[in-house]
C-alpha atoms as a PDB file:
ATOM      1  CA  PRO A   1     118.410 123.754 101.074  1.00  0.00           C
ATOM      2  CA  PRO A   2     120.861 127.013 102.623  1.00  0.00           C
ATOM      3  CA  ASN A   3     119.765 123.976 105.958  1.00  0.00           C
ATOM      4  CA  PHE A   4     120.843 120.752 103.770  1.00  0.00           C
ATOM      5  CA  ASP A   5     123.246 118.095 105.866  1.00  0.00           C
ATOM      6  CA  ILE A   6     125.558 116.909 103.287  1.00  0.00           C
ATOM      7  CA  GLY A   7     126.084 113.868 104.515  1.00  0.00           C
ATOM      8  CA  LEU A   8     130.638 114.473 105.196  1.00  0.00           C
ATOM      9  CA  GLY A   9     129.545 114.545 108.956  1.00  0.00           C
ATOM     10  CA  PRO A  10     132.489 115.172 110.761  1.00  0.00           C
ATOM     11  CA  LEU A  11     134.083 115.867 107.276  1.00  0.00           C
ATOM     12  CA  GLY A  12     131.769 117.990 106.087  1.00  0.00           C
ATOM     13  CA  ARG A  13     131.822 120.248 110.344  1.00  0.00           C
ATOM     14  CA  ALA A  14     135.604 120.824 109.868  1.00  0.00           C
ATOM     15  CA  LEU A  15     134.826 122.364 107.029  1.00  0.00           C
ATOM     16  CA  ALA A  16     134.641 126.461 106.728  1.00  0.00           C
ATOM     17  CA  PRO A  17     130.940 127.619 106.355  1.00  0.00           C
ATOM     18  CA  GLU A  18     132.147 128.713 102.315  1.00  0.00           C
ATOM     19  CA  GLU A  19     133.798 125.784 101.752  1.00  0.00           C
ATOM     20  CA  ARG A  20     130.235 124.092 102.718  1.00  0.00           C
ATOM     21  CA  ARG A  21     129.182 127.005 100.714  1.00  0.00           C
ATOM     22  CA  MET A  22     131.529 125.719  98.012  1.00  0.00           C
ATOM     23  CA  ILE A  23     130.119 121.700  98.214  1.00  0.00           C
ATOM     24  CA  ARG A  24     125.684 123.053  97.881  1.00  0.00           C
ATOM     25  CA  ARG A  25     126.554 124.893  94.593  1.00  0.00           C
ATOM     26  CA  GLY A  26     128.678 122.455  93.186  1.00  0.00           C
ATOM     27  CA  LEU A  27     125.492 119.740  94.138  1.00  0.00           C
ATOM     28  CA  VAL A  28     123.101 122.441  92.168  1.00  0.00           C
ATOM     29  CA  GLN A  29     124.896 122.868  89.398  1.00  0.00           C
ATOM     30  CA  ASN A  30     125.739 118.923  88.848  1.00  0.00           C
ATOM     31  CA  ARG A  31     121.674 119.016  89.260  1.00  0.00           C
ATOM     32  CA  SER A  32     121.874 116.607  92.727  1.00  0.00           C
ATOM     33  CA  LEU A  33     119.920 117.839  95.102  1.00  0.00           C
ATOM     34  CA  ARG A  34     117.010 118.953  92.401  1.00  0.00           C
ATOM     35  CA  ASP A  35     117.617 115.775  91.008  1.00  0.00           C
ATOM     36  CA  LEU A  36     116.514 114.339  94.719  1.00  0.00           C
ATOM     37  CA  ASN A  37     113.057 115.659  95.412  1.00  0.00           C
ATOM     38  CA  LEU A  38     113.111 114.314  98.039  1.00  0.00           C
ATOM     39  CA  ARG A  39     109.690 115.785  99.045  1.00  0.00           C
ATOM     40  CA  GLY A  40     107.485 113.995  96.491  1.00  0.00           C
ATOM     41  CA  ARG A  41     109.699 110.415  96.566  1.00  0.00           C
ATOM     42  CA  MET A  42     108.721 110.274 100.050  1.00  0.00           C
ATOM     43  CA  ASN A  43     104.601 111.644  98.534  1.00  0.00           C
ATOM     44  CA  GLU A  44     105.221 108.123  96.693  1.00  0.00           C
ATOM     45  CA  VAL A  45     105.659 106.435  99.798  1.00  0.00           C
ATOM     46  CA  VAL A  46     103.416 107.464 102.085  1.00  0.00           C
ATOM     47  CA  ALA A  47     100.434 107.121  98.548  1.00  0.00           C
ATOM     48  CA  VAL A  48     101.936 102.932  98.434  1.00  0.00           C
ATOM     49  CA  LEU A  49     101.565 102.417 102.219  1.00  0.00           C
ATOM     50  CA  GLU A  50      98.441 104.020 102.714  1.00  0.00           C
ATOM     51  CA  ALA A  51      97.331 102.174  99.520  1.00  0.00           C
ATOM     52  CA  ARG A  52      94.167  99.332 100.629  1.00  0.00           C
ATOM     53  CA  ASP A  53      96.291  96.494  99.287  1.00  0.00           C
ATOM     54  CA  PHE A  54      99.547  97.032  99.691  1.00  0.00           C
ATOM     55  CA  ASP A  55     102.386  96.566  97.124  1.00  0.00           C
ATOM     56  CA  ALA A  56     105.323  95.258  98.114  1.00  0.00           C
ATOM     57  CA  ALA A  57     106.981  95.360  94.976  1.00  0.00           C
ATOM     58  CA  ARG A  58     106.430  98.972  94.432  1.00  0.00           C
ATOM     59  CA  PHE A  59     107.323  99.866  97.636  1.00  0.00           C
ATOM     60  CA  GLY A  60     110.277  97.780  97.085  1.00  0.00           C
ATOM     61  CA  GLN A  61     111.055  99.364  93.696  1.00  0.00           C
ATOM     62  CA  LEU A  62     111.134 103.280  95.815  1.00  0.00           C
ATOM     63  CA  MET A  63     113.422 102.237  98.021  1.00  0.00           C
ATOM     64  CA  ASP A  64     115.978 101.365  94.785  1.00  0.00           C
ATOM     65  CA  GLU A  65     115.247 104.477  93.363  1.00  0.00           C
ATOM     66  CA  GLN A  66     115.926 106.233  97.039  1.00  0.00           C
ATOM     67  CA  ILE A  67     119.403 103.970  97.338  1.00  0.00           C
ATOM     68  CA  ALA A  68     120.366 105.472  93.276  1.00  0.00           C
ATOM     69  CA  ARG A  69     120.418 108.645  93.521  1.00  0.00           C
ATOM     70  CA  THR A  70     121.927 108.820  97.349  1.00  0.00           C
ATOM     71  CA  ALA A  71     124.732 106.356  95.470  1.00  0.00           C
ATOM     72  CA  ASN A  72     124.788 109.257  93.286  1.00  0.00           C
ATOM     73  CA  LEU A  73     124.555 112.163  94.877  1.00  0.00           C
ATOM     74  CA  GLN A  74     127.475 110.656  97.504  1.00  0.00           C
ATOM     75  CA  GLU A  75     130.170 109.986  94.474  1.00  0.00           C
ATOM     76  CA  THR A  76     128.474 113.256  93.625  1.00  0.00           C
ATOM     77  CA  VAL A  77     129.623 115.061  96.810  1.00  0.00           C
ATOM     78  CA  GLN A  78     133.700 112.751  97.335  1.00  0.00           C
ATOM     79  CA  VAL A  79     134.578 114.830  93.430  1.00  0.00           C
ATOM     80  CA  VAL A  80     133.495 117.887  95.222  1.00  0.00           C
ATOM     81  CA  LEU A  81     134.240 118.215  98.039  1.00  0.00           C
ATOM     82  CA  ILE A  82     137.838 116.832  96.181  1.00  0.00           C
ATOM     83  CA  ASP A  83     137.984 119.862  94.480  1.00  0.00           C
ATOM     84  CA  VAL A  84     137.169 122.191  97.180  1.00  0.00           C
ATOM     85  CA  ILE A  85     139.828 120.330  99.693  1.00  0.00           C
ATOM     86  CA  SER A  86     142.246 120.348  95.886  1.00  0.00           C
ATOM     87  CA  ASP A  87     141.965 124.188  95.640  1.00  0.00           C
ATOM     88  CA  MET A  88     143.144 124.510  99.221  1.00  0.00           C
ATOM     89  CA  THR A  89     146.324 126.091 100.214  1.00  0.00           C
ATOM     90  CA  PRO A  90     149.010 123.975 102.659  1.00  0.00           C
ATOM     91  CA  GLU A  91     148.456 125.741 105.144  1.00  0.00           C
ATOM     92  CA  ARG A  92     144.924 125.622 104.820  1.00  0.00           C
ATOM     93  CA  ARG A  93     144.507 122.425 103.524  1.00  0.00           C
ATOM     94  CA  ALA A  94     146.823 122.186 107.634  1.00  0.00           C
ATOM     95  CA  ASP A  95     143.694 123.811 109.788  1.00  0.00           C
ATOM     96  CA  PHE A  96     141.841 121.709 108.107  1.00  0.00           C
ATOM     97  CA  ALA A  97     143.224 118.498 108.974  1.00  0.00           C
ATOM     98  CA  GLN A  98     143.152 119.799 113.056  1.00  0.00           C
ATOM     99  CA  LYS A  99     140.225 120.169 112.340  1.00  0.00           C
ATOM    100  CA  LEU A 100     139.246 116.692 111.734  1.00  0.00           C
ATOM    101  CA  LYS A 101     141.117 115.130 113.702  1.00  0.00           C
ATOM    102  CA  ASP A 102     139.351 118.224 116.646  1.00  0.00           C
ATOM    103  CA  GLU A 103     135.972 116.410 115.057  1.00  0.00           C
ATOM    104  CA  MET A 104     136.866 113.067 115.484  1.00  0.00           C
ATOM    105  CA  SER A 105     138.511 113.479 119.413  1.00  0.00           C
ATOM    106  CA  ARG A 106     134.997 115.384 120.034  1.00  0.00           C
ATOM    107  CA  MET A 107     132.822 112.140 119.163  1.00  0.00           C
ATOM    108  CA  LYS A 108     135.355 109.988 120.531  1.00  0.00           C
ATOM    109  CA  SER A 109     135.168 112.010 123.664  1.00  0.00           C
ATOM    110  CA  GLU A 110     130.406 111.592 122.963  1.00  0.00           C
ATOM    111  CA  ARG A 111     130.794 107.967 123.394  1.00  0.00           C
ATOM    112  CA  GLU A 112     132.373 107.331 126.102  1.00  0.00           C
ATOM    113  CA  ARG A 113     129.619 109.469 128.438  1.00  0.00           C
ATOM    114  CA  PRO A 114     127.700 107.154 130.768  1.00  0.00           C
ATOM    115  CA  SER A 115     124.154 107.058 128.473  1.00  0.00           C
ATOM    116  CA  GLY A 116     122.081 108.056 131.984  1.00  0.00           C
ATOM    117  CA  GLY A 117     120.442 104.440 131.856  1.00  0.00           C
END
């Protein structure tokens, strides 16, 4: 989906919108996003949770499968991200690095704000 968070945090926010689209396209071409089937997987989890007799082994199996799919997705994101960065000009890479530093500074200042509690 267009609003899918590719889980890159500040790295993703420092990328230009077209670069994020390139990563998304790379994931789709590698079937990484299509194979996640998040809705179907969560429906299976819900069915296990709603069953009168909880099947802990099946629930554990579903969680193990989710961990494996997530690790595969993260590896694919890394490969595609490296490709996108490798294609950057030195000037764009310097701009990207500056935006990343700005993101990190913004995150640090947000952590330092009082919680209000």
